[in-house]
């Protein structure tokens, strides 16, 4: 499933039988809100999957990747439910987005000036 908002594409990959819209809607809204902090977000990919090799307490995985111009932010969280994994992933991604925004608005590493003589 893919959604296009303004200039950002949001792709969601999830098992249809275990994930409903009540879990996906808050994730989409939060990820979309990140575009107000960082304008360079091109694509968001949200993956909810079941890991059958893990213990039941950690079998539900949420991965979110934000693709920016020239960079990428990625989080991976696992727990006993998709809802909890998604909440933890979104929270961690929010901290990464805030840090990226802070770096983008900071002073450049190098300053070049030109003086006419």
C-alpha atoms as a PDB file:
ATOM      1  CA  UNK A   1       0.000   0.000   0.000  1.00  0.00           C
ATOM      2  CA  UNK A   2       1.451   3.400  -0.955  1.00  0.00           C
ATOM      3  CA  UNK A   3       0.234   6.942  -0.245  1.00  0.00           C
ATOM      4  CA  UNK A   4       1.499  10.169  -1.790  1.00  0.00           C
ATOM      5  CA  UNK A   5       1.391  13.285   0.407  1.00  0.00           C
ATOM      6  CA  UNK A   6       2.639  16.534  -1.104  1.00  0.00           C
ATOM      7  CA  UNK A   7       6.112  15.440  -2.226  1.00  0.00           C
ATOM      8  CA  UNK A   8       6.530  12.476   0.165  1.00  0.00           C
ATOM      9  CA  UNK A   9       5.610   8.881  -0.615  1.00  0.00           C
ATOM     10  CA  UNK A  10       4.600   6.641   2.282  1.00  0.00           C
ATOM     11  CA  UNK A  11       4.771   2.895   1.639  1.00  0.00           C
ATOM     12  CA  UNK A  12       3.297   0.439   4.118  1.00  0.00           C
ATOM     13  CA  UNK A  13       4.006  -3.289   4.111  1.00  0.00           C
ATOM     14  CA  UNK A  14       2.011  -5.247   6.681  1.00  0.00           C
ATOM     15  CA  UNK A  15       0.252  -8.586   7.096  1.00  0.00           C
ATOM     16  CA  UNK A  16      -3.422  -7.837   6.321  1.00  0.00           C
ATOM     17  CA  UNK A  17      -4.797 -10.364   8.784  1.00  0.00           C
ATOM     18  CA  UNK A  18      -2.993  -8.969  11.851  1.00  0.00           C
ATOM     19  CA  UNK A  19      -2.759  -5.212  11.229  1.00  0.00           C
ATOM     20  CA  UNK A  20      -5.753  -2.916  10.900  1.00  0.00           C
ATOM     21  CA  UNK A  21      -6.195   0.769  10.132  1.00  0.00           C
ATOM     22  CA  UNK A  22      -6.297   1.740  13.834  1.00  0.00           C
ATOM     23  CA  UNK A  23      -2.596   0.845  14.061  1.00  0.00           C
ATOM     24  CA  UNK A  24      -1.579   2.286  10.691  1.00  0.00           C
ATOM     25  CA  UNK A  25      -3.343   5.661  10.828  1.00  0.00           C
ATOM     26  CA  UNK A  26      -1.379   7.119  13.800  1.00  0.00           C
ATOM     27  CA  UNK A  27       1.899   5.914  12.256  1.00  0.00           C
ATOM     28  CA  UNK A  28       1.078   7.587   8.915  1.00  0.00           C
ATOM     29  CA  UNK A  29       0.075  10.836  10.633  1.00  0.00           C
ATOM     30  CA  UNK A  30       3.230  10.962  12.765  1.00  0.00           C
ATOM     31  CA  UNK A  31       5.517  10.158   9.830  1.00  0.00           C
ATOM     32  CA  UNK A  32       3.770  12.826   7.765  1.00  0.00           C
ATOM     33  CA  UNK A  33       4.333  15.346  10.579  1.00  0.00           C
ATOM     34  CA  UNK A  34       8.089  14.762  10.288  1.00  0.00           C
ATOM     35  CA  UNK A  35       8.007  16.521   6.899  1.00  0.00           C
ATOM     36  CA  UNK A  36       7.305  19.770   8.783  1.00  0.00           C
ATOM     37  CA  UNK A  37      10.606  19.396  10.650  1.00  0.00           C
ATOM     38  CA  UNK A  38      12.693  18.127   7.727  1.00  0.00           C
ATOM     39  CA  UNK A  39      11.675  19.267   4.253  1.00  0.00           C
ATOM     40  CA  UNK A  40      14.072  16.860   2.519  1.00  0.00           C
ATOM     41  CA  UNK A  41      12.039  13.701   3.221  1.00  0.00           C
ATOM     42  CA  UNK A  42      11.300  11.957  -0.059  1.00  0.00           C
ATOM     43  CA  UNK A  43       9.924   8.621   1.074  1.00  0.00           C
ATOM     44  CA  UNK A  44       8.837   6.787   4.207  1.00  0.00           C
ATOM     45  CA  UNK A  45       8.725   3.010   4.249  1.00  0.00           C
ATOM     46  CA  UNK A  46       6.889   1.320   7.124  1.00  0.00           C
ATOM     47  CA  UNK A  47       7.248  -2.435   7.472  1.00  0.00           C
ATOM     48  CA  UNK A  48       5.311  -4.478  10.002  1.00  0.00           C
ATOM     49  CA  UNK A  49       6.254  -8.143   9.993  1.00  0.00           C
ATOM     50  CA  UNK A  50       6.109 -11.248  12.097  1.00  0.00           C
ATOM     51  CA  UNK A  51       9.379 -13.000  13.044  1.00  0.00           C
ATOM     52  CA  UNK A  52       8.493 -16.664  13.518  1.00  0.00           C
ATOM     53  CA  UNK A  53      12.005 -17.508  14.749  1.00  0.00           C
ATOM     54  CA  UNK A  54      11.817 -15.134  17.742  1.00  0.00           C
ATOM     55  CA  UNK A  55      10.128 -15.691  21.072  1.00  0.00           C
ATOM     56  CA  UNK A  56       6.437 -14.633  21.226  1.00  0.00           C
ATOM     57  CA  UNK A  57       7.408 -11.655  23.426  1.00  0.00           C
ATOM     58  CA  UNK A  58       9.515 -10.226  20.575  1.00  0.00           C
ATOM     59  CA  UNK A  59       7.955 -11.633  17.410  1.00  0.00           C
ATOM     60  CA  UNK A  60       6.184  -8.490  16.099  1.00  0.00           C
ATOM     61  CA  UNK A  61       8.563  -6.150  14.281  1.00  0.00           C
ATOM     62  CA  UNK A  62       8.156  -2.574  13.091  1.00  0.00           C
ATOM     63  CA  UNK A  63      10.791  -1.033  10.815  1.00  0.00           C
ATOM     64  CA  UNK A  64      10.607   2.513   9.522  1.00  0.00           C
ATOM     65  CA  UNK A  65      13.000   4.025   7.005  1.00  0.00           C
ATOM     66  CA  UNK A  66      12.900   7.715   6.066  1.00  0.00           C
ATOM     67  CA  UNK A  67      14.699   8.510   2.840  1.00  0.00           C
ATOM     68  CA  UNK A  68      16.035  12.040   2.668  1.00  0.00           C
ATOM     69  CA  UNK A  69      17.963  13.748  -0.092  1.00  0.00           C
ATOM     70  CA  UNK A  70      21.436  12.298   0.446  1.00  0.00           C
ATOM     71  CA  UNK A  71      20.646  10.513   3.724  1.00  0.00           C
ATOM     72  CA  UNK A  72      18.470   7.910   5.402  1.00  0.00           C
ATOM     73  CA  UNK A  73      17.066   7.371   8.903  1.00  0.00           C
ATOM     74  CA  UNK A  74      16.152   3.833  10.017  1.00  0.00           C
ATOM     75  CA  UNK A  75      14.630   2.368  13.180  1.00  0.00           C
ATOM     76  CA  UNK A  76      13.808  -1.238  14.069  1.00  0.00           C
ATOM     77  CA  UNK A  77      11.793  -2.252  17.137  1.00  0.00           C
ATOM     78  CA  UNK A  78      10.274  -5.536  18.246  1.00  0.00           C
ATOM     79  CA  UNK A  79       7.801  -6.531  20.957  1.00  0.00           C
ATOM     80  CA  UNK A  80       4.804  -8.781  21.594  1.00  0.00           C
ATOM     81  CA  UNK A  81       2.370  -6.643  19.522  1.00  0.00           C
ATOM     82  CA  UNK A  82       2.502  -4.605  16.330  1.00  0.00           C
ATOM     83  CA  UNK A  83       0.968  -1.639  18.133  1.00  0.00           C
ATOM     84  CA  UNK A  84       3.698  -1.546  20.798  1.00  0.00           C
ATOM     85  CA  UNK A  85       6.485  -2.104  18.256  1.00  0.00           C
ATOM     86  CA  UNK A  86       5.111   0.708  16.097  1.00  0.00           C
ATOM     87  CA  UNK A  87       4.845   3.103  19.057  1.00  0.00           C
ATOM     88  CA  UNK A  88       8.436   2.392  20.106  1.00  0.00           C
ATOM     89  CA  UNK A  89       9.710   2.769  16.514  1.00  0.00           C
ATOM     90  CA  UNK A  90       7.867   6.060  15.959  1.00  0.00           C
ATOM     91  CA  UNK A  91       9.170   7.427  19.273  1.00  0.00           C
ATOM     92  CA  UNK A  92      12.759   6.495  18.392  1.00  0.00           C
ATOM     93  CA  UNK A  93      12.388   7.891  14.879  1.00  0.00           C
ATOM     94  CA  UNK A  94      11.037  11.143  16.286  1.00  0.00           C
ATOM     95  CA  UNK A  95      14.253  11.586  18.284  1.00  0.00           C
ATOM     96  CA  UNK A  96      16.325  10.870  15.154  1.00  0.00           C
ATOM     97  CA  UNK A  97      14.294  13.384  13.121  1.00  0.00           C
ATOM     98  CA  UNK A  98      14.753  16.055  15.795  1.00  0.00           C
ATOM     99  CA  UNK A  99      18.506  15.426  15.800  1.00  0.00           C
ATOM    100  CA  UNK A 100      18.635  15.565  11.988  1.00  0.00           C
ATOM    101  CA  UNK A 101      16.653  18.815  11.988  1.00  0.00           C
ATOM    102  CA  UNK A 102      19.032  20.270  14.580  1.00  0.00           C
ATOM    103  CA  UNK A 103      22.018  19.311  12.427  1.00  0.00           C
ATOM    104  CA  UNK A 104      20.391  20.786   9.310  1.00  0.00           C
ATOM    105  CA  UNK A 105      19.764  24.109  11.052  1.00  0.00           C
ATOM    106  CA  UNK A 106      23.177  24.325  12.697  1.00  0.00           C
ATOM    107  CA  UNK A 107      26.169  26.210  11.411  1.00  0.00           C
ATOM    108  CA  UNK A 108      27.948  24.715   8.414  1.00  0.00           C
ATOM    109  CA  UNK A 109      31.197  22.824   9.001  1.00  0.00           C
ATOM    110  CA  UNK A 110      33.057  25.162   6.703  1.00  0.00           C
ATOM    111  CA  UNK A 111      32.517  28.846   6.055  1.00  0.00           C
ATOM    112  CA  UNK A 112      33.796  30.438   2.892  1.00  0.00           C
ATOM    113  CA  UNK A 113      33.823  34.184   2.439  1.00  0.00           C
ATOM    114  CA  UNK A 114      34.953  36.399  -0.366  1.00  0.00           C
ATOM    115  CA  UNK A 115      36.375  39.864   0.161  1.00  0.00           C
ATOM    116  CA  UNK A 116      36.927  42.303  -2.716  1.00  0.00           C
ATOM    117  CA  UNK A 117      40.166  44.226  -2.514  1.00  0.00           C
END
